[in-house]
Amino acid sequence: EGIVCIFRWGFPGKNRRIFLRFLMKDIQSIRIEVKEGIYARHVLYMEIRGQRAVPLTRTDENLTPREIEQKAAELAYFLRVPIEVF
């Protein structure tokens, strides 16, 4: 149907459930955020037109650069959107 749904239990706070729903055509890109240094991290985001970026990986997941690139490539290929690196 061209609809993407993201559901997650266990989010911090009073309402511990997240349910996001949007059209596939509104997905602009898959973004990889890379921060090097003492607190290095690699996070994968989905950029949605008219909304903020939706994080797809946890910041404490500690994926290797190769793993995050592989996940981004598979998702971007499936959604037919570009990959951005920040």
Protein backbone atom coordinates (compact mmCIF):
# COMPACT_ATOMS: atom_id res chain seq x y z
CA GLU A 1 0.00 0.00 0.00
CA GLY A 2 3.02 2.29 0.19
CA ILE A 3 2.76 2.84 3.94
CA VAL A 4 5.60 2.44 6.44
CA CYS A 5 4.82 1.66 10.08
CA ILE A 6 7.37 1.75 12.89
CA PHE A 7 6.38 0.30 16.24
CA ARG A 8 8.43 0.08 19.42
CA TRP A 9 7.74 -0.87 23.03
CA GLY A 10 9.87 0.24 25.97
CA PHE A 11 10.47 3.86 25.04
CA PRO A 12 11.31 5.93 28.15
CA GLY A 13 8.60 8.03 29.73
CA LYS A 14 4.96 7.76 30.69
CA ASN A 15 3.71 6.53 27.32
CA ARG A 16 6.03 3.61 26.64
CA ARG A 17 4.77 2.85 23.13
CA ILE A 18 5.77 4.46 19.83
CA PHE A 19 3.77 3.94 16.65
CA LEU A 20 4.72 5.95 13.58
CA ARG A 21 2.98 5.71 10.23
CA PHE A 22 3.79 7.58 7.03
CA LEU A 23 3.75 7.20 3.26
CA MET A 24 6.75 5.66 1.51
CA LYS A 25 6.76 8.53 -0.98
CA ASP A 26 7.47 10.93 1.94
CA ILE A 27 10.75 9.18 2.80
CA GLN A 28 13.51 11.46 1.52
CA SER A 29 16.62 9.48 2.44
CA ILE A 30 18.41 7.16 4.82
CA ARG A 31 20.97 9.09 6.86
CA ILE A 32 24.06 7.76 8.60
CA GLU A 33 25.37 9.95 11.39
CA VAL A 34 28.99 9.29 12.30
CA LYS A 35 30.62 10.77 15.39
CA GLU A 36 34.24 9.83 16.02
CA GLY A 37 36.33 10.40 19.12
CA ILE A 38 36.08 9.22 22.71
CA TYR A 39 32.33 8.65 22.45
CA ALA A 40 32.21 7.33 18.87
CA ARG A 41 28.81 6.37 17.56
CA HIS A 42 27.11 5.46 14.31
CA VAL A 43 23.35 5.99 14.09
CA LEU A 44 20.96 5.26 11.24
CA TYR A 45 18.04 7.66 10.60
CA MET A 46 15.12 7.82 8.17
CA GLU A 47 14.50 11.34 6.85
CA ILE A 48 10.79 12.01 6.43
CA ARG A 49 9.51 15.00 4.44
CA GLY A 50 7.91 17.56 6.76
CA GLN A 51 8.92 15.73 9.95
CA ARG A 52 12.03 15.20 12.01
CA ALA A 53 14.41 12.34 11.30
CA VAL A 54 13.38 9.01 12.81
CA PRO A 55 16.24 7.09 14.49
CA LEU A 56 16.32 3.44 13.41
CA THR A 57 19.21 2.23 15.59
CA ARG A 58 19.90 2.83 19.25
CA THR A 59 22.80 5.13 20.10
CA ASP A 60 24.22 2.47 22.44
CA GLU A 61 24.09 -0.29 19.82
CA ASN A 62 27.78 0.21 18.85
CA LEU A 63 27.51 -1.10 15.31
CA THR A 64 30.69 -1.15 13.25
CA PRO A 65 30.89 1.24 10.28
CA ARG A 66 30.56 -1.75 7.95
CA GLU A 67 27.41 -3.01 9.72
CA ILE A 68 25.73 0.40 9.67
CA GLU A 69 26.63 0.88 5.99
CA GLN A 70 25.17 -2.53 5.14
CA LYS A 71 21.92 -1.79 6.96
CA ALA A 72 21.67 1.63 5.29
CA ALA A 73 22.36 0.20 1.83
CA GLU A 74 19.74 -2.54 2.17
CA LEU A 75 17.09 -0.15 3.43
CA ALA A 76 17.86 2.58 0.88
CA TYR A 77 17.78 0.02 -1.94
CA PHE A 78 14.41 -1.34 -0.77
CA LEU A 79 12.89 2.14 -0.39
CA ARG A 80 14.63 3.49 -3.52
CA VAL A 81 16.01 6.55 -1.72
CA PRO A 82 19.55 7.98 -1.44
CA ILE A 83 21.94 7.55 1.50
CA GLU A 84 23.32 10.65 3.21
CA VAL A 85 26.32 10.62 5.55
CA PHE A 86 26.83 13.26 8.26
